[in-house]
Amino acid sequence: MSRTLSVRRTPTIDAALADIMRVTDADTTTEAVARALDLYASWLKLKPGTTVVATGHTRRVTP
């Protein structure tokens, strides 16, 4: 199934996309959006009262 997703570009949207691209391994806008949609779909499937723990690590930028 293929669907077209149209998003109005605004400075806020561009900044959010830049953040997602910077902290993920996404190489393209399409990949970043697909990952975000997958994460959101998983979030919506959680039962009320579910405890969610987020973990992370510091990324180093190499010169």
N, C-alpha and C. Protein backbone atom coordinates (compact mmCIF):
# COMPACT_ATOMS: atom_id res chain seq x y z
N MET A 1 0.85 -1.16 0.00
CA MET A 1 0.00 0.00 0.00
C MET A 1 0.90 1.23 0.00
N SER A 2 0.59 2.18 -0.82
CA SER A 2 1.35 3.41 -0.89
C SER A 2 0.41 4.59 -0.72
N ARG A 3 0.78 5.50 0.13
CA ARG A 3 -0.02 6.70 0.35
C ARG A 3 0.89 7.90 0.31
N THR A 4 0.34 9.00 -0.11
CA THR A 4 1.10 10.24 -0.13
C THR A 4 0.81 11.01 1.13
N LEU A 5 1.84 11.50 1.75
CA LEU A 5 1.71 12.31 2.95
C LEU A 5 2.23 13.69 2.62
N SER A 6 1.37 14.68 2.78
CA SER A 6 1.77 16.05 2.47
C SER A 6 1.80 16.85 3.76
N VAL A 7 2.91 17.49 4.01
CA VAL A 7 3.08 18.29 5.22
C VAL A 7 3.53 19.69 4.81
N ARG A 8 2.82 20.68 5.32
CA ARG A 8 3.20 22.06 5.02
C ARG A 8 4.51 22.37 5.73
N ARG A 9 5.50 22.79 4.99
CA ARG A 9 6.80 23.11 5.58
C ARG A 9 6.74 24.46 6.26
N THR A 10 7.11 24.46 7.50
CA THR A 10 7.20 25.68 8.29
C THR A 10 8.55 25.65 8.99
N PRO A 11 8.99 26.77 9.54
CA PRO A 11 10.25 26.74 10.30
C PRO A 11 10.21 25.73 11.45
N THR A 12 9.06 25.58 12.10
CA THR A 12 8.93 24.63 13.20
C THR A 12 9.09 23.19 12.71
N ILE A 13 8.44 22.86 11.60
CA ILE A 13 8.54 21.51 11.03
C ILE A 13 9.97 21.25 10.58
N ASP A 14 10.58 22.21 9.92
CA ASP A 14 11.96 22.04 9.46
C ASP A 14 12.91 21.82 10.63
N ALA A 15 12.71 22.55 11.73
CA ALA A 15 13.57 22.40 12.91
C ALA A 15 13.37 21.02 13.54
N ALA A 16 12.13 20.56 13.63
CA ALA A 16 11.85 19.25 14.21
C ALA A 16 12.47 18.15 13.34
N LEU A 17 12.34 18.27 12.04
CA LEU A 17 12.92 17.28 11.13
C LEU A 17 14.44 17.27 11.24
N ALA A 18 15.04 18.45 11.34
CA ALA A 18 16.49 18.53 11.50
C ALA A 18 16.93 17.84 12.79
N ASP A 19 16.16 18.01 13.87
CA ASP A 19 16.48 17.34 15.13
C ASP A 19 16.40 15.83 14.98
N ILE A 20 15.33 15.35 14.33
CA ILE A 20 15.17 13.91 14.13
C ILE A 20 16.30 13.35 13.28
N MET A 21 16.63 14.04 12.23
CA MET A 21 17.71 13.59 11.35
C MET A 21 19.04 13.55 12.08
N ARG A 22 19.26 14.52 12.98
CA ARG A 22 20.53 14.60 13.70
C ARG A 22 20.67 13.47 14.72
N VAL A 23 19.59 13.07 15.38
CA VAL A 23 19.71 12.09 16.47
C VAL A 23 19.36 10.67 16.05
N THR A 24 18.99 10.47 14.80
CA THR A 24 18.73 9.12 14.32
C THR A 24 19.70 8.81 13.19
N ASP A 25 19.61 7.62 12.70
CA ASP A 25 20.45 7.22 11.58
C ASP A 25 19.73 7.42 10.25
N ALA A 26 18.63 8.15 10.26
CA ALA A 26 17.88 8.38 9.03
C ALA A 26 18.71 9.19 8.05
N ASP A 27 18.74 8.73 6.81
CA ASP A 27 19.50 9.42 5.77
C ASP A 27 18.61 10.33 4.92
N THR A 28 17.31 10.05 4.93
CA THR A 28 16.40 10.83 4.10
C THR A 28 15.21 11.28 4.92
N THR A 29 14.53 12.29 4.41
CA THR A 29 13.31 12.77 5.06
C THR A 29 12.28 11.65 5.12
N THR A 30 12.16 10.90 4.06
CA THR A 30 11.18 9.80 4.03
C THR A 30 11.46 8.79 5.13
N GLU A 31 12.72 8.45 5.31
CA GLU A 31 13.09 7.49 6.35
C GLU A 31 12.80 8.04 7.74
N ALA A 32 13.09 9.31 7.97
CA ALA A 32 12.83 9.93 9.26
C ALA A 32 11.34 9.94 9.57
N VAL A 33 10.52 10.28 8.57
CA VAL A 33 9.07 10.32 8.77
C VAL A 33 8.53 8.91 9.00
N ALA A 34 9.03 7.93 8.26
CA ALA A 34 8.59 6.54 8.45
C ALA A 34 8.90 6.07 9.86
N ARG A 35 10.08 6.39 10.36
CA ARG A 35 10.45 5.99 11.74
C ARG A 35 9.57 6.69 12.76
N ALA A 36 9.30 7.96 12.55
CA ALA A 36 8.45 8.71 13.48
C ALA A 36 7.03 8.14 13.49
N LEU A 37 6.50 7.80 12.33
CA LEU A 37 5.16 7.22 12.26
C LEU A 37 5.11 5.85 12.92
N ASP A 38 6.15 5.05 12.74
CA ASP A 38 6.22 3.74 13.37
C ASP A 38 6.24 3.88 14.89
N LEU A 39 7.04 4.80 15.38
CA LEU A 39 7.11 5.04 16.83
C LEU A 39 5.77 5.50 17.37
N TYR A 40 5.11 6.42 16.66
CA TYR A 40 3.82 6.92 17.11
C TYR A 40 2.76 5.81 17.09
N ALA A 41 2.78 4.97 16.07
CA ALA A 41 1.83 3.86 16.01
C ALA A 41 2.04 2.92 17.20
N SER A 42 3.28 2.65 17.55
CA SER A 42 3.57 1.81 18.72
C SER A 42 3.07 2.47 20.00
N TRP A 43 3.25 3.77 20.10
CA TRP A 43 2.80 4.53 21.27
C TRP A 43 1.29 4.42 21.42
N LEU A 44 0.57 4.52 20.31
CA LEU A 44 -0.90 4.46 20.36
C LEU A 44 -1.41 3.09 20.78
N LYS A 45 -0.62 2.04 20.59
CA LYS A 45 -1.04 0.69 20.95
C LYS A 45 -0.85 0.38 22.43
N LEU A 46 -0.15 1.25 23.16
CA LEU A 46 0.08 1.02 24.59
C LEU A 46 -1.23 1.12 25.35
N LYS A 47 -1.37 0.28 26.35
CA LYS A 47 -2.57 0.31 27.20
C LYS A 47 -2.45 1.46 28.19
N PRO A 48 -3.57 2.06 28.57
CA PRO A 48 -3.52 3.14 29.58
C PRO A 48 -2.83 2.65 30.85
N GLY A 49 -2.01 3.49 31.42
CA GLY A 49 -1.30 3.14 32.64
C GLY A 49 0.03 2.44 32.42
N THR A 50 0.37 2.17 31.17
CA THR A 50 1.65 1.52 30.87
C THR A 50 2.80 2.44 31.26
N THR A 51 3.78 1.89 31.93
CA THR A 51 4.97 2.65 32.28
C THR A 51 5.94 2.60 31.11
N VAL A 52 6.38 3.76 30.70
CA VAL A 52 7.31 3.86 29.58
C VAL A 52 8.63 4.41 30.11
N VAL A 53 9.71 3.73 29.80
CA VAL A 53 11.02 4.17 30.23
C VAL A 53 11.83 4.51 28.98
N ALA A 54 12.34 5.70 28.94
CA ALA A 54 13.17 6.12 27.81
C ALA A 54 14.63 6.11 28.24
N THR A 55 15.46 5.53 27.42
CA THR A 55 16.88 5.53 27.68
C THR A 55 17.60 6.16 26.50
N GLY A 56 18.78 6.56 26.71
CA GLY A 56 19.51 7.17 25.62
C GLY A 56 20.99 7.21 25.93
N HIS A 57 21.72 7.77 25.03
CA HIS A 57 23.14 7.92 25.22
C HIS A 57 23.58 9.21 24.56
N THR A 58 24.73 9.64 24.92
CA THR A 58 25.28 10.87 24.34
C THR A 58 25.99 10.53 23.05
N ARG A 59 25.63 11.26 22.02
CA ARG A 59 26.31 11.05 20.74
C ARG A 59 27.48 12.01 20.67
N ARG A 60 28.59 11.51 20.22
CA ARG A 60 29.77 12.37 20.04
C ARG A 60 29.88 12.76 18.59
N VAL A 61 30.16 14.00 18.39
CA VAL A 61 30.38 14.49 17.03
C VAL A 61 31.87 14.47 16.78
N THR A 62 32.28 13.73 15.77
CA THR A 62 33.70 13.67 15.47
C THR A 62 34.07 14.81 14.54
N PRO A 63 35.18 15.47 14.84
CA PRO A 63 35.58 16.61 14.00
C PRO A 63 36.00 16.22 12.60
